[in-house]
Amino acid sequence: MTDNHRADIALLTEHRFEATAAPEGDRFFGNILHDDRLLRDALRERGLSAVRVDWARPDVDWSAFRCVVFRTTWDYFHRFGEFTAWLDRVERRTRLCNEPSIIRWNMDKHYLADLEAKGIPIVPCRFVERGSTATLSSLLAESGWSEAIIKPCVSGAARHTYRVDHGNSRDIDGVVRELLAVESFILQPFQEDVLRNGEDSLMVLNGRYTHAVRKVPKAGDFRVQDDHGGTVHDYTPTPEQIELAERAMAACEPAPAYGRVDMVRDNEGRIAVMEMELLEPELWLRHHPPAAAAMAEGIAKSMASA
C-alpha cells in the first residue's frame, strides 16, 4: 500500500472517481469530491484522518485502516460477485461502516419485505424470483396493477428499470426473461406522484434526520437519477416524513451510522418508503454542510464500539 493510502479511515470509491481532482467541466465528479472533502474535514476535527480509495485496488492493505466507510462504490452491482468476495475478505481485516451484515441486507431489494414486516409503510411490491417463467402481462393481471415498474433486486442508477403496462409488456418480457435466468426482480405499481412531484430523499445520520432533497425527473421520463436527466432540489420535508425516515432507519439491525430514505406519496395518498440506501448513498452533504459533522460522529461511534 502506498503512503497515499495511509490514514485512519478509507472512504471507499471506485476507479472512475478515485482521482483527487475532477476533469474540467465534470460537475458530477466535482460534487463527489466536495462531499468527501466536507466529510474528511469533519473527521479531522475529531482527530481522524481519511483518504479516498478504490475498493477494487489490488495493492491495498485494508488491515492498515482502522475503519472503511462505503461512499461512492457505484459499480458494485455491475461487479457483484467480485464485490461480495471483496466484502468477505475485508470484513475479516478491518472495521466496516456501515456494518457488513446491514450492507449485505441492503444490497438486495428483498429487504423491503423485512421493513414491511416491521410496520414500515413501503410502496407495494412483489418479487419475481430467479428462474421464473411468468410473463409480465400475467403478473400485471394477478396484481391488478395497470402499470408498474420492474427492476433487478440488485441494481442502481436505474439499471434495467422499465415502466411496463399491458401495451409494452411483451417487448420488455424478452429482456427481463433473459435476466431472470441469473437474478431476481422486483415489481412495483407505478407511482403517479413521481411525475408530479418527484421523489423525496431524507438523510438520516447517526440516527437523526439532518436534511433532505427532492429529485425530479426530466420531462417525459420517470427516472429521477441525474444519469437520466433528473434534477435535485433543496426540500423541507413534513414532520410525517421525518418521523418515517427515522423510524425506518431504527428498524434496521444493526443500526446504520448513515443512510438515506427515499419516499413518495403513493397512489393511495400515503407517504411510503420507495427504497433505503445504506451501502453507497448519495447524501448531498454539500446541500447541508453541517450534516458532515453528524456523519463523522456516527463513524467515530462505530469505530469506538469495535
Protein backbone atom coordinates (compact mmCIF):
# COMPACT_ATOMS: atom_id res chain seq x y z
CA MET A 1 0.00 0.00 0.00
CA THR A 2 1.37 3.42 -0.92
CA ASP A 3 1.83 6.29 1.52
CA ASN A 4 -1.06 8.00 -0.28
CA HIS A 5 -3.33 5.34 1.17
CA ARG A 6 -2.25 5.65 4.82
CA ALA A 7 -4.90 7.06 7.14
CA ASP A 8 -7.28 6.08 9.91
CA ILE A 9 -10.23 5.75 7.56
CA ALA A 10 -10.67 4.68 3.94
CA LEU A 11 -13.53 6.41 2.15
CA LEU A 12 -14.46 3.87 -0.50
CA THR A 13 -14.97 4.91 -4.07
CA GLU A 14 -14.44 3.21 -7.44
CA HIS A 15 -11.99 3.52 -10.29
CA ARG A 16 -13.96 6.23 -12.12
CA PHE A 17 -13.83 8.56 -9.13
CA GLU A 18 -10.51 7.87 -7.42
CA ALA A 19 -8.73 10.93 -8.82
CA THR A 20 -8.12 13.82 -6.43
CA ALA A 21 -9.35 16.42 -8.92
CA ALA A 22 -12.31 16.39 -11.29
CA PRO A 23 -11.78 16.89 -15.03
CA GLU A 24 -12.63 20.39 -16.19
CA GLY A 25 -16.38 20.77 -16.59
CA ASP A 26 -17.22 17.49 -14.79
CA ARG A 27 -19.66 18.87 -12.25
CA PHE A 28 -20.83 15.41 -11.16
CA PHE A 29 -17.31 14.32 -10.18
CA GLY A 30 -16.74 17.71 -8.58
CA ASN A 31 -19.78 17.21 -6.36
CA ILE A 32 -18.44 13.83 -5.21
CA LEU A 33 -15.14 15.42 -4.24
CA HIS A 34 -16.92 18.31 -2.50
CA ASP A 35 -18.96 15.95 -0.31
CA ASP A 36 -15.91 13.87 0.58
CA ARG A 37 -13.92 17.00 1.46
CA LEU A 38 -16.67 18.05 3.85
CA LEU A 39 -16.62 14.63 5.49
CA ARG A 40 -12.82 14.50 5.68
CA ASP A 41 -12.77 17.93 7.33
CA ALA A 42 -15.39 16.83 9.88
CA LEU A 43 -13.42 13.67 10.63
CA ARG A 44 -10.21 15.70 11.00
CA GLU A 45 -11.93 17.81 13.66
CA ARG A 46 -12.35 14.56 15.60
CA GLY A 47 -8.69 13.66 15.18
CA LEU A 48 -9.31 11.15 12.39
CA SER A 49 -7.56 11.17 9.03
CA ALA A 50 -9.25 9.84 5.89
CA VAL A 51 -8.30 9.07 2.30
CA ARG A 52 -10.37 8.09 -0.72
CA VAL A 53 -9.61 4.59 -2.06
CA ASP A 54 -10.94 2.49 -4.94
CA TRP A 55 -12.39 -0.61 -3.29
CA ALA A 56 -11.06 -2.85 -6.09
CA ARG A 57 -7.41 -1.77 -5.92
CA PRO A 58 -5.28 -4.93 -5.57
CA ASP A 59 -2.39 -3.17 -3.76
CA VAL A 60 -4.31 -2.00 -0.68
CA ASP A 61 -3.62 -3.43 2.76
CA TRP A 62 -7.05 -3.00 4.29
CA SER A 63 -5.84 -4.05 7.73
CA ALA A 64 -3.83 -0.80 7.86
CA PHE A 65 -7.08 1.17 8.21
CA ARG A 66 -8.99 1.43 11.45
CA CYS A 67 -12.26 1.71 9.52
CA VAL A 68 -13.55 1.51 5.96
CA VAL A 69 -16.56 3.67 5.03
CA PHE A 70 -18.72 2.99 1.97
CA ARG A 71 -19.16 6.15 -0.08
CA THR A 72 -19.26 6.03 -3.89
CA THR A 73 -18.83 2.36 -4.80
CA TRP A 74 -21.27 2.87 -7.63
CA ASP A 75 -20.01 0.00 -9.77
CA TYR A 76 -20.71 -2.76 -7.23
CA PHE A 77 -23.89 -4.01 -8.91
CA HIS A 78 -22.03 -4.43 -12.21
CA ARG A 79 -19.31 -6.43 -10.40
CA PHE A 80 -21.48 -8.11 -7.81
CA GLY A 81 -19.56 -11.37 -7.48
CA GLU A 82 -16.24 -9.55 -7.22
CA PHE A 83 -17.67 -7.06 -4.74
CA THR A 84 -19.19 -9.65 -2.43
CA ALA A 85 -15.93 -11.65 -2.45
CA TRP A 86 -14.08 -8.44 -1.55
CA LEU A 87 -16.55 -7.78 1.26
CA ASP A 88 -15.99 -11.29 2.65
CA ARG A 89 -12.23 -10.73 2.71
CA VAL A 90 -12.13 -7.20 4.07
CA GLU A 91 -14.58 -7.64 6.92
CA ARG A 92 -12.03 -10.00 8.49
CA ARG A 93 -9.30 -7.36 8.28
CA THR A 94 -10.82 -4.10 9.48
CA ARG A 95 -13.95 -2.35 10.71
CA LEU A 96 -16.65 -1.65 8.10
CA CYS A 97 -19.11 1.20 8.35
CA ASN A 98 -21.91 0.55 7.82
CA GLU A 99 -21.75 -2.95 9.31
CA PRO A 100 -21.23 -5.77 6.78
CA SER A 101 -24.45 -7.54 7.77
CA ILE A 102 -26.54 -4.44 7.05
CA ILE A 103 -24.62 -3.89 3.81
CA ARG A 104 -25.47 -7.41 2.61
CA TRP A 105 -29.09 -6.94 3.65
CA ASN A 106 -29.40 -3.64 1.81
CA MET A 107 -27.78 -4.87 -1.41
CA ASP A 108 -30.87 -6.91 -2.31
CA LYS A 109 -34.29 -5.27 -2.52
CA HIS A 110 -35.89 -8.19 -0.71
CA TYR A 111 -35.08 -6.07 2.36
CA LEU A 112 -38.27 -4.12 1.62
CA ALA A 113 -40.32 -7.13 2.72
CA ASP A 114 -38.47 -7.10 6.04
CA LEU A 115 -39.25 -3.42 6.53
CA GLU A 116 -42.92 -4.01 5.78
CA ALA A 117 -43.00 -6.85 8.30
CA LYS A 118 -41.75 -4.37 10.91
CA GLY A 119 -44.59 -1.96 10.19
CA ILE A 120 -42.77 0.42 7.84
CA PRO A 121 -45.10 1.55 5.02
CA ILE A 122 -43.49 0.74 1.68
CA VAL A 123 -44.57 1.04 -1.93
CA PRO A 124 -46.34 -2.28 -2.64
CA CYS A 125 -44.13 -4.85 -4.27
CA ARG A 126 -43.93 -8.44 -5.38
CA PHE A 127 -40.78 -10.36 -6.17
CA VAL A 128 -40.17 -12.24 -9.39
CA GLU A 129 -37.60 -14.79 -8.39
CA ARG A 130 -34.72 -16.06 -10.46
CA GLY A 131 -35.80 -18.74 -12.89
CA SER A 132 -39.42 -17.57 -13.02
CA THR A 133 -41.19 -18.02 -16.36
CA ALA A 134 -44.17 -15.80 -15.52
CA THR A 135 -44.94 -13.18 -18.15
CA LEU A 136 -45.21 -9.53 -17.24
CA SER A 137 -48.75 -9.48 -18.61
CA SER A 138 -49.77 -12.26 -16.23
CA LEU A 139 -48.03 -10.56 -13.32
CA LEU A 140 -49.88 -7.31 -14.00
CA ALA A 141 -53.17 -9.19 -14.21
CA GLU A 142 -52.54 -11.03 -10.94
CA SER A 143 -51.53 -7.86 -9.11
CA GLY A 144 -54.33 -5.73 -10.51
CA TRP A 145 -51.84 -3.01 -11.45
CA SER A 146 -52.42 -1.37 -14.80
CA GLU A 147 -48.88 0.00 -14.88
CA ALA A 148 -45.76 -0.98 -12.95
CA ILE A 149 -42.02 -0.59 -12.59
CA ILE A 150 -39.82 -3.66 -12.84
CA LYS A 151 -36.14 -3.68 -11.93
CA PRO A 152 -33.50 -6.10 -10.65
CA CYS A 153 -33.31 -6.78 -6.92
CA VAL A 154 -29.63 -5.88 -7.09
CA SER A 155 -29.27 -2.68 -9.05
CA GLY A 156 -28.55 1.02 -9.05
CA ALA A 157 -28.68 4.05 -11.35
CA ALA A 158 -31.94 2.67 -12.83
CA ARG A 159 -30.14 -0.33 -14.36
CA HIS A 160 -32.69 -2.39 -16.32
CA THR A 161 -35.54 -0.38 -14.81
CA TYR A 162 -38.63 -0.42 -17.02
CA ARG A 163 -42.07 1.14 -16.91
CA VAL A 164 -44.40 -1.61 -18.05
CA ASP A 165 -48.08 -1.86 -18.93
CA HIS A 166 -50.20 -4.28 -20.93
CA GLY A 167 -49.26 -2.47 -24.14
CA ASN A 168 -45.48 -2.92 -23.90
CA SER A 169 -45.18 -5.94 -21.60
CA ARG A 170 -44.41 -8.36 -24.42
CA ASP A 171 -41.47 -6.26 -25.64
CA ILE A 172 -40.00 -5.96 -22.13
CA ASP A 173 -40.62 -9.64 -21.41
CA GLY A 174 -37.79 -10.62 -23.72
CA VAL A 175 -35.23 -8.54 -21.85
CA VAL A 176 -36.43 -9.50 -18.38
CA ARG A 177 -36.78 -13.22 -19.09
CA GLU A 178 -33.14 -13.42 -20.16
CA LEU A 179 -32.01 -11.65 -16.99
CA LEU A 180 -34.26 -13.82 -14.79
CA ALA A 181 -32.00 -16.73 -15.60
CA VAL A 182 -29.38 -15.20 -13.31
CA GLU A 183 -31.12 -12.71 -10.99
CA SER A 184 -34.40 -11.81 -9.29
CA PHE A 185 -36.60 -8.79 -10.00
CA ILE A 186 -38.98 -6.59 -8.04
CA LEU A 187 -42.29 -5.40 -9.48
CA GLN A 188 -44.00 -2.32 -8.03
CA PRO A 189 -47.06 -0.33 -9.12
CA PHE A 190 -46.08 2.83 -10.96
CA GLN A 191 -46.38 5.78 -8.60
CA GLU A 192 -48.09 8.66 -10.39
CA ASP A 193 -46.85 11.26 -7.91
CA VAL A 194 -43.29 10.73 -9.16
CA LEU A 195 -44.31 12.53 -12.36
CA ARG A 196 -45.96 15.38 -10.44
CA ASN A 197 -43.61 15.92 -7.50
CA GLY A 198 -40.69 13.53 -7.89
CA GLU A 199 -39.14 11.51 -5.08
CA ASP A 200 -38.01 12.82 -1.69
CA SER A 201 -34.72 11.71 -0.15
CA LEU A 202 -34.21 12.21 3.59
CA MET A 203 -30.75 11.78 5.07
CA VAL A 204 -30.53 10.11 8.48
CA LEU A 205 -27.07 10.37 10.04
CA ASN A 206 -26.19 8.92 13.41
CA GLY A 207 -29.87 8.06 13.87
CA ARG A 208 -31.28 11.53 13.29
CA TYR A 209 -32.70 13.34 10.28
CA THR A 210 -30.37 16.07 9.02
CA HIS A 211 -31.59 17.32 5.64
CA ALA A 212 -33.50 16.39 2.51
CA VAL A 213 -33.63 16.87 -1.24
CA ARG A 214 -36.32 16.36 -3.84
CA LYS A 215 -35.36 14.51 -7.02
CA VAL A 216 -37.44 15.37 -10.08
CA PRO A 217 -37.42 13.50 -13.41
CA LYS A 218 -36.94 15.36 -16.65
CA ALA A 219 -40.00 16.00 -18.77
CA GLY A 220 -41.21 12.82 -20.42
CA ASP A 221 -39.26 10.47 -18.12
CA PHE A 222 -39.97 8.78 -14.80
CA ARG A 223 -36.39 8.17 -13.63
CA VAL A 224 -35.18 10.73 -11.10
CA GLN A 225 -31.47 9.83 -11.31
CA ASP A 226 -29.21 12.51 -12.77
CA ASP A 227 -27.82 9.82 -15.08
CA HIS A 228 -31.16 10.11 -16.88
CA GLY A 229 -31.62 13.86 -16.74
CA GLY A 230 -33.21 14.14 -13.30
CA THR A 231 -32.59 17.22 -11.18
CA VAL A 232 -32.06 17.72 -7.45
CA HIS A 233 -33.64 20.48 -5.37
CA ASP A 234 -33.45 21.54 -1.73
CA TYR A 235 -36.54 20.33 0.09
CA THR A 236 -38.12 20.80 3.52
CA PRO A 237 -39.90 17.57 4.49
CA THR A 238 -43.05 17.30 6.55
CA PRO A 239 -42.91 16.10 10.17
CA GLU A 240 -44.58 12.90 8.96
CA GLN A 241 -41.76 12.28 6.51
CA ILE A 242 -39.08 12.93 9.12
CA GLU A 243 -40.76 10.57 11.56
CA LEU A 244 -40.98 7.86 8.92
CA ALA A 245 -37.35 8.28 7.85
CA GLU A 246 -36.06 7.95 11.42
CA ARG A 247 -38.42 5.06 12.16
CA ALA A 248 -37.34 3.20 9.02
CA MET A 249 -33.68 3.64 9.93
CA ALA A 250 -34.36 2.48 13.50
CA ALA A 251 -35.96 -0.68 12.09
CA CYS A 252 -32.61 -1.73 10.62
CA GLU A 253 -30.47 -4.17 12.60
CA PRO A 254 -27.73 -3.32 13.38
CA ALA A 255 -28.40 0.42 13.36
CA PRO A 256 -26.68 2.16 10.42
CA ALA A 257 -24.34 5.06 11.11
CA TYR A 258 -25.60 6.79 7.98
CA GLY A 259 -28.14 6.27 5.25
CA ARG A 260 -30.87 7.71 3.09
CA VAL A 261 -34.59 7.02 2.94
CA ASP A 262 -36.31 7.62 -0.41
CA MET A 263 -40.05 8.11 -0.21
CA VAL A 264 -43.04 9.09 -2.30
CA ARG A 265 -46.71 9.76 -1.82
CA ASP A 266 -48.18 6.54 -3.15
CA ASN A 267 -51.25 6.04 -5.32
CA GLU A 268 -53.42 5.82 -2.18
CA GLY A 269 -52.13 9.18 -0.95
CA ARG A 270 -49.95 7.92 1.90
CA ILE A 271 -46.24 8.53 2.43
CA ALA A 272 -44.38 5.31 1.67
CA VAL A 273 -40.75 4.21 1.52
CA MET A 274 -39.55 3.58 -2.02
CA GLU A 275 -36.04 2.46 -1.08
CA MET A 276 -33.40 2.76 1.61
CA GLU A 277 -29.77 3.37 0.70
CA LEU A 278 -27.27 2.18 3.30
CA LEU A 279 -24.49 0.83 1.08
CA GLU A 280 -23.37 3.72 -1.13
CA PRO A 281 -25.89 6.51 -0.63
CA GLU A 282 -25.55 9.87 -2.32
CA LEU A 283 -26.02 12.11 0.73
CA TRP A 284 -25.79 15.63 -0.76
CA LEU A 285 -23.70 16.88 2.18
CA ARG A 286 -22.92 19.95 0.08
CA HIS A 287 -26.61 20.93 0.34
CA HIS A 288 -26.30 20.99 4.14
CA PRO A 289 -22.62 21.09 5.23
CA PRO A 290 -23.40 20.70 8.98
CA ALA A 291 -24.57 17.16 8.17
CA ALA A 292 -20.94 16.17 7.63
CA ALA A 293 -20.37 16.58 11.37
CA ALA A 294 -23.28 14.24 12.15
CA MET A 295 -21.91 11.65 9.74
CA ALA A 296 -18.43 11.93 11.21
CA GLU A 297 -19.88 11.48 14.69
CA GLY A 298 -21.65 8.30 13.59
CA ILE A 299 -18.46 6.91 12.05
CA ALA A 300 -16.48 7.71 15.20
CA LYS A 301 -19.10 5.99 17.36
CA SER A 302 -18.99 2.95 15.08
CA MET A 303 -15.21 2.78 15.48
CA ALA A 304 -15.44 3.16 19.25
CA SER A 305 -17.89 0.26 19.54
CA ALA A 306 -15.48 -2.18 17.87
